Structure formats: C-alpha cells, structure tokens
Amino acid sequence: MESTPQEFLADLYGYDQDAHFDTTQLREGLAHQIPAGRLDKFVAAVEATGDPAVDLETATALLDGIG
C-alpha cells in the first residue's frame, strides 16, 4: 500500500510533535513524495500562516485543508 502525503509528512517530522520546519525544509523533504502542484499549494498555505516554521499538527492540518 502506498503511503499518504500525511504519512510522508509525519516521517519527515519523525513523529515529533515539538519539531518545527520552515518552508525550505518542507519543500526539500517532500519534493519526491508529493506531486509538485500539491506541494506548491501546501508551501503557500504554510507561508500564509505568517510563522517562519510550523509544527507537525499545523502542517498536517494545512495539508489536509488543500485536499
């Protein structure tokens, strides 16, 4: 069974609820895991939070929100 984008994200974060990643780290970490168009939308959503880096919970919610 193929992993979901949410699972790739959790792997990137190491399932660490305290870890925070910026958009560069997210883009590099997920570049080969998520289709480019969806990754661009995700990074735009992260940037729209106004935070320089987001935690796993926020990142997952944003990824879920873009479908």
PDB file of N, CA and C in Angstrom:
ATOM      1  N   MET A   1       0.847  -1.177   0.000  1.00  0.00           N
ATOM      2  CA  MET A   1       0.000   0.000   0.000  1.00  0.00           C
ATOM      3  C   MET A   1       0.895   1.243   0.000  1.00  0.00           C
ATOM      4  N   GLU A   2       0.532   2.219  -0.812  1.00  0.00           N
ATOM      5  CA  GLU A   2       1.314   3.442  -0.946  1.00  0.00           C
ATOM      6  C   GLU A   2       1.059   4.382   0.236  1.00  0.00           C
ATOM      7  N   SER A   3       2.109   5.039   0.680  1.00  0.00           N
ATOM      8  CA  SER A   3       1.979   5.983   1.791  1.00  0.00           C
ATOM      9  C   SER A   3       1.210   7.225   1.352  1.00  0.00           C
ATOM     10  N   THR A   4       0.534   7.835   2.290  1.00  0.00           N
ATOM     11  CA  THR A   4      -0.206   9.070   2.015  1.00  0.00           C
ATOM     12  C   THR A   4       0.722  10.268   2.233  1.00  0.00           C
ATOM     13  N   PRO A   5       0.366  11.423   1.677  1.00  0.00           N
ATOM     14  CA  PRO A   5       1.164  12.622   1.946  1.00  0.00           C
ATOM     15  C   PRO A   5       1.279  12.924   3.442  1.00  0.00           C
ATOM     16  N   GLN A   6       0.234  12.639   4.196  1.00  0.00           N
ATOM     17  CA  GLN A   6       0.273  12.862   5.638  1.00  0.00           C
ATOM     18  C   GLN A   6       1.303  11.959   6.299  1.00  0.00           C
ATOM     19  N   GLU A   7       1.430  10.731   5.815  1.00  0.00           N
ATOM     20  CA  GLU A   7       2.433   9.810   6.357  1.00  0.00           C
ATOM     21  C   GLU A   7       3.847  10.262   5.992  1.00  0.00           C
ATOM     22  N   PHE A   8       4.026  10.762   4.772  1.00  0.00           N
ATOM     23  CA  PHE A   8       5.330  11.309   4.384  1.00  0.00           C
ATOM     24  C   PHE A   8       5.694  12.486   5.278  1.00  0.00           C
ATOM     25  N   LEU A   9       4.713  13.323   5.572  1.00  0.00           N
ATOM     26  CA  LEU A   9       4.933  14.481   6.435  1.00  0.00           C
ATOM     27  C   LEU A   9       5.321  14.037   7.838  1.00  0.00           C
ATOM     28  N   ALA A  10       4.606  13.080   8.376  1.00  0.00           N
ATOM     29  CA  ALA A  10       4.917  12.569   9.719  1.00  0.00           C
ATOM     30  C   ALA A  10       6.310  11.951   9.756  1.00  0.00           C
ATOM     31  N   ASP A  11       6.683  11.246   8.691  1.00  0.00           N
ATOM     32  CA  ASP A  11       8.036  10.677   8.613  1.00  0.00           C
ATOM     33  C   ASP A  11       9.086  11.776   8.614  1.00  0.00           C
ATOM     34  N   LEU A  12       8.837  12.840   7.846  1.00  0.00           N
ATOM     35  CA  LEU A  12       9.769  13.958   7.790  1.00  0.00           C
ATOM     36  C   LEU A  12       9.979  14.558   9.177  1.00  0.00           C
ATOM     37  N   TYR A  13       8.913  14.714   9.917  1.00  0.00           N
ATOM     38  CA  TYR A  13       8.977  15.280  11.261  1.00  0.00           C
ATOM     39  C   TYR A  13       9.476  14.274  12.289  1.00  0.00           C
ATOM     40  N   GLY A  14       9.593  13.025  11.899  1.00  0.00           N
ATOM     41  CA  GLY A  14       9.997  11.992  12.835  1.00  0.00           C
ATOM     42  C   GLY A  14       8.946  11.769  13.914  1.00  0.00           C
ATOM     43  N   TYR A  15       7.697  12.090  13.579  1.00  0.00           N
ATOM     44  CA  TYR A  15       6.566  11.965  14.503  1.00  0.00           C
ATOM     45  C   TYR A  15       6.781  12.779  15.783  1.00  0.00           C
ATOM     46  N   ASP A  16       7.639  13.783  15.706  1.00  0.00           N
ATOM     47  CA  ASP A  16       7.974  14.636  16.856  1.00  0.00           C
ATOM     48  C   ASP A  16       7.033  15.835  16.891  1.00  0.00           C
ATOM     49  N   GLN A  17       6.166  15.855  17.880  1.00  0.00           N
ATOM     50  CA  GLN A  17       5.178  16.928  17.998  1.00  0.00           C
ATOM     51  C   GLN A  17       5.815  18.286  18.283  1.00  0.00           C
ATOM     52  N   ASP A  18       7.058  18.306  18.743  1.00  0.00           N
ATOM     53  CA  ASP A  18       7.731  19.563  19.068  1.00  0.00           C
ATOM     54  C   ASP A  18       8.605  20.087  17.929  1.00  0.00           C
ATOM     55  N   ALA A  19       8.829  19.288  16.912  1.00  0.00           N
ATOM     56  CA  ALA A  19       9.673  19.715  15.792  1.00  0.00           C
ATOM     57  C   ALA A  19       8.958  20.779  14.968  1.00  0.00           C
ATOM     58  N   HIS A  20       9.721  21.709  14.444  1.00  0.00           N
ATOM     59  CA  HIS A  20       9.194  22.760  13.572  1.00  0.00           C
ATOM     60  C   HIS A  20      10.056  22.806  12.312  1.00  0.00           C
ATOM     61  N   PHE A  21       9.397  22.940  11.165  1.00  0.00           N
ATOM     62  CA  PHE A  21      10.101  23.011   9.891  1.00  0.00           C
ATOM     63  C   PHE A  21       9.658  24.255   9.137  1.00  0.00           C
ATOM     64  N   ASP A  22      10.623  24.886   8.445  1.00  0.00           N
ATOM     65  CA  ASP A  22      10.270  26.033   7.612  1.00  0.00           C
ATOM     66  C   ASP A  22       9.932  25.536   6.205  1.00  0.00           C
ATOM     67  N   THR A  23       9.536  26.457   5.339  1.00  0.00           N
ATOM     68  CA  THR A  23       9.074  26.049   4.011  1.00  0.00           C
ATOM     69  C   THR A  23      10.185  25.418   3.179  1.00  0.00           C
ATOM     70  N   THR A  24      11.410  25.869   3.327  1.00  0.00           N
ATOM     71  CA  THR A  24      12.518  25.277   2.580  1.00  0.00           C
ATOM     72  C   THR A  24      12.715  23.824   2.986  1.00  0.00           C
ATOM     73  N   GLN A  25      12.696  23.566   4.281  1.00  0.00           N
ATOM     74  CA  GLN A  25      12.853  22.198   4.768  1.00  0.00           C
ATOM     75  C   GLN A  25      11.692  21.313   4.316  1.00  0.00           C
ATOM     76  N   LEU A  26      10.481  21.862   4.364  1.00  0.00           N
ATOM     77  CA  LEU A  26       9.315  21.091   3.931  1.00  0.00           C
ATOM     78  C   LEU A  26       9.392  20.787   2.446  1.00  0.00           C
ATOM     79  N   ARG A  27       9.728  21.797   1.651  1.00  0.00           N
ATOM     80  CA  ARG A  27       9.815  21.603   0.202  1.00  0.00           C
ATOM     81  C   ARG A  27      10.883  20.552  -0.139  1.00  0.00           C
ATOM     82  N   GLU A  28      12.051  20.670   0.465  1.00  0.00           N
ATOM     83  CA  GLU A  28      13.127  19.716   0.194  1.00  0.00           C
ATOM     84  C   GLU A  28      12.777  18.314   0.684  1.00  0.00           C
ATOM     85  N   GLY A  29      12.161  18.230   1.846  1.00  0.00           N
ATOM     86  CA  GLY A  29      11.840  16.930   2.427  1.00  0.00           C
ATOM     87  C   GLY A  29      10.717  16.196   1.731  1.00  0.00           C
ATOM     88  N   LEU A  30       9.841  16.944   1.089  1.00  0.00           N
ATOM     89  CA  LEU A  30       8.671  16.328   0.460  1.00  0.00           C
ATOM     90  C   LEU A  30       8.706  16.366  -1.062  1.00  0.00           C
ATOM     91  N   ALA A  31       9.765  16.917  -1.639  1.00  0.00           N
ATOM     92  CA  ALA A  31       9.843  17.126  -3.088  1.00  0.00           C
ATOM     93  C   ALA A  31       9.593  15.861  -3.904  1.00  0.00           C
ATOM     94  N   HIS A  32      10.045  14.734  -3.426  1.00  0.00           N
ATOM     95  CA  HIS A  32       9.894  13.494  -4.191  1.00  0.00           C
ATOM     96  C   HIS A  32       8.751  12.631  -3.663  1.00  0.00           C
ATOM     97  N   GLN A  33       7.976  13.188  -2.733  1.00  0.00           N
ATOM     98  CA  GLN A  33       6.908  12.415  -2.107  1.00  0.00           C
ATOM     99  C   GLN A  33       5.508  12.896  -2.483  1.00  0.00           C
ATOM    100  N   ILE A  34       5.400  14.182  -2.795  1.00  0.00           N
ATOM    101  CA  ILE A  34       4.103  14.806  -3.062  1.00  0.00           C
ATOM    102  C   ILE A  34       4.168  15.457  -4.438  1.00  0.00           C
ATOM    103  N   PRO A  35       3.114  15.337  -5.251  1.00  0.00           N
ATOM    104  CA  PRO A  35       3.126  15.978  -6.567  1.00  0.00           C
ATOM    105  C   PRO A  35       3.423  17.484  -6.449  1.00  0.00           C
ATOM    106  N   ALA A  36       4.157  18.008  -7.426  1.00  0.00           N
ATOM    107  CA  ALA A  36       4.645  19.392  -7.381  1.00  0.00           C
ATOM    108  C   ALA A  36       3.535  20.417  -7.162  1.00  0.00           C
ATOM    109  N   GLY A  37       2.417  20.276  -7.828  1.00  0.00           N
ATOM    110  CA  GLY A  37       1.325  21.239  -7.677  1.00  0.00           C
ATOM    111  C   GLY A  37       0.764  21.246  -6.263  1.00  0.00           C
ATOM    112  N   ARG A  38       0.614  20.075  -5.706  1.00  0.00           N
ATOM    113  CA  ARG A  38       0.104  19.983  -4.328  1.00  0.00           C
ATOM    114  C   ARG A  38       1.132  20.517  -3.337  1.00  0.00           C
ATOM    115  N   LEU A  39       2.403  20.242  -3.593  1.00  0.00           N
ATOM    116  CA  LEU A  39       3.466  20.749  -2.723  1.00  0.00           C
ATOM    117  C   LEU A  39       3.498  22.273  -2.756  1.00  0.00           C
ATOM    118  N   ASP A  40       3.333  22.870  -3.933  1.00  0.00           N
ATOM    119  CA  ASP A  40       3.293  24.331  -4.045  1.00  0.00           C
ATOM    120  C   ASP A  40       2.137  24.913  -3.245  1.00  0.00           C
ATOM    121  N   LYS A  41       0.975  24.289  -3.323  1.00  0.00           N
ATOM    122  CA  LYS A  41      -0.190  24.755  -2.558  1.00  0.00           C
ATOM    123  C   LYS A  41       0.060  24.627  -1.057  1.00  0.00           C
ATOM    124  N   PHE A  42       0.678  23.516  -0.674  1.00  0.00           N
ATOM    125  CA  PHE A  42       0.985  23.287   0.738  1.00  0.00           C
ATOM    126  C   PHE A  42       1.958  24.345   1.255  1.00  0.00           C
ATOM    127  N   VAL A  43       3.033  24.597   0.509  1.00  0.00           N
ATOM    128  CA  VAL A  43       4.019  25.595   0.928  1.00  0.00           C
ATOM    129  C   VAL A  43       3.367  26.973   1.003  1.00  0.00           C
ATOM    130  N   ALA A  44       2.504  27.301   0.062  1.00  0.00           N
ATOM    131  CA  ALA A  44       1.793  28.583   0.097  1.00  0.00           C
ATOM    132  C   ALA A  44       0.917  28.679   1.350  1.00  0.00           C
ATOM    133  N   ALA A  45       0.281  27.577   1.721  1.00  0.00           N
ATOM    134  CA  ALA A  45      -0.550  27.565   2.923  1.00  0.00           C
ATOM    135  C   ALA A  45       0.298  27.758   4.173  1.00  0.00           C
ATOM    136  N   VAL A  46       1.476  27.144   4.206  1.00  0.00           N
ATOM    137  CA  VAL A  46       2.384  27.313   5.340  1.00  0.00           C
ATOM    138  C   VAL A  46       2.831  28.773   5.420  1.00  0.00           C
ATOM    139  N   GLU A  47       3.214  29.343   4.284  1.00  0.00           N
ATOM    140  CA  GLU A  47       3.642  30.746   4.258  1.00  0.00           C
ATOM    141  C   GLU A  47       2.528  31.678   4.715  1.00  0.00           C
ATOM    142  N   ALA A  48       1.283  31.342   4.378  1.00  0.00           N
ATOM    143  CA  ALA A  48       0.139  32.172   4.737  1.00  0.00           C
ATOM    144  C   ALA A  48      -0.112  32.222   6.242  1.00  0.00           C
ATOM    145  N   THR A  49       0.466  31.280   6.997  1.00  0.00           N
ATOM    146  CA  THR A  49       0.284  31.315   8.452  1.00  0.00           C
ATOM    147  C   THR A  49       1.032  32.488   9.062  1.00  0.00           C
ATOM    148  N   GLY A  50       2.058  32.972   8.357  1.00  0.00           N
ATOM    149  CA  GLY A  50       2.871  34.064   8.878  1.00  0.00           C
ATOM    150  C   GLY A  50       3.949  33.619   9.836  1.00  0.00           C
ATOM    151  N   ASP A  51       3.979  32.331  10.141  1.00  0.00           N
ATOM    152  CA  ASP A  51       5.007  31.779  11.034  1.00  0.00           C
ATOM    153  C   ASP A  51       6.208  31.340  10.205  1.00  0.00           C
ATOM    154  N   PRO A  52       7.420  31.526  10.714  1.00  0.00           N
ATOM    155  CA  PRO A  52       8.597  31.108   9.960  1.00  0.00           C
ATOM    156  C   PRO A  52       8.735  29.592   9.869  1.00  0.00           C
ATOM    157  N   ALA A  53       8.124  28.861  10.792  1.00  0.00           N
ATOM    158  CA  ALA A  53       8.175  27.395  10.799  1.00  0.00           C
ATOM    159  C   ALA A  53       6.918  26.876  11.483  1.00  0.00           C
ATOM    160  N   VAL A  54       6.489  25.689  11.078  1.00  0.00           N
ATOM    161  CA  VAL A  54       5.269  25.117  11.649  1.00  0.00           C
ATOM    162  C   VAL A  54       5.550  23.741  12.235  1.00  0.00           C
ATOM    163  N   ASP A  55       4.713  23.367  13.207  1.00  0.00           N
ATOM    164  CA  ASP A  55       4.837  22.057  13.834  1.00  0.00           C
ATOM    165  C   ASP A  55       4.059  21.014  13.032  1.00  0.00           C
ATOM    166  N   LEU A  56       4.182  19.761  13.435  1.00  0.00           N
ATOM    167  CA  LEU A  56       3.544  18.657  12.714  1.00  0.00           C
ATOM    168  C   LEU A  56       2.027  18.802  12.684  1.00  0.00           C
ATOM    169  N   GLU A  57       1.425  19.167  13.793  1.00  0.00           N
ATOM    170  CA  GLU A  57      -0.036  19.294  13.843  1.00  0.00           C
ATOM    171  C   GLU A  57      -0.526  20.345  12.860  1.00  0.00           C
ATOM    172  N   THR A  58       0.127  21.498  12.839  1.00  0.00           N
ATOM    173  CA  THR A  58      -0.265  22.572  11.926  1.00  0.00           C
ATOM    174  C   THR A  58      -0.029  22.153  10.484  1.00  0.00           C
ATOM    175  N   ALA A  59       1.135  21.561  10.213  1.00  0.00           N
ATOM    176  CA  ALA A  59       1.448  21.133   8.862  1.00  0.00           C
ATOM    177  C   ALA A  59       0.453  20.111   8.344  1.00  0.00           C
ATOM    178  N   THR A  60       0.069  19.174   9.200  1.00  0.00           N
ATOM    179  CA  THR A  60      -0.900  18.151   8.802  1.00  0.00           C
ATOM    180  C   THR A  60      -2.258  18.777   8.516  1.00  0.00           C
ATOM    181  N   ALA A  61      -2.689  19.699   9.360  1.00  0.00           N
ATOM    182  CA  ALA A  61      -3.970  20.379   9.139  1.00  0.00           C
ATOM    183  C   ALA A  61      -3.952  21.164   7.834  1.00  0.00           C
ATOM    184  N   LEU A  62      -2.853  21.840   7.548  1.00  0.00           N
ATOM    185  CA  LEU A  62      -2.744  22.589   6.305  1.00  0.00           C
ATOM    186  C   LEU A  62      -2.751  21.657   5.107  1.00  0.00           C
ATOM    187  N   LEU A  63      -2.048  20.554   5.202  1.00  0.00           N
ATOM    188  CA  LEU A  63      -2.021  19.579   4.108  1.00  0.00           C
ATOM    189  C   LEU A  63      -3.406  18.989   3.892  1.00  0.00           C
ATOM    190  N   ASP A  64      -4.106  18.682   4.960  1.00  0.00           N
ATOM    191  CA  ASP A  64      -5.471  18.160   4.857  1.00  0.00           C
ATOM    192  C   ASP A  64      -6.397  19.194   4.205  1.00  0.00           C
ATOM    193  N   GLY A  65      -6.155  20.461   4.527  1.00  0.00           N
ATOM    194  CA  GLY A  65      -7.010  21.539   4.028  1.00  0.00           C
ATOM    195  C   GLY A  65      -6.891  21.791   2.538  1.00  0.00           C
ATOM    196  N   ILE A  66      -5.774  21.409   1.942  1.00  0.00           N
ATOM    197  CA  ILE A  66      -5.641  21.634   0.499  1.00  0.00           C
ATOM    198  C   ILE A  66      -6.098  20.437  -0.309  1.00  0.00           C
ATOM    199  N   GLY A  67      -6.525  19.396   0.386  1.00  0.00           N
ATOM    200  CA  GLY A  67      -7.081  18.228  -0.297  1.00  0.00           C
ATOM    201  C   GLY A  67      -6.058  17.322  -0.752  1.00  0.00           C
TER     202      GLY A  67
END
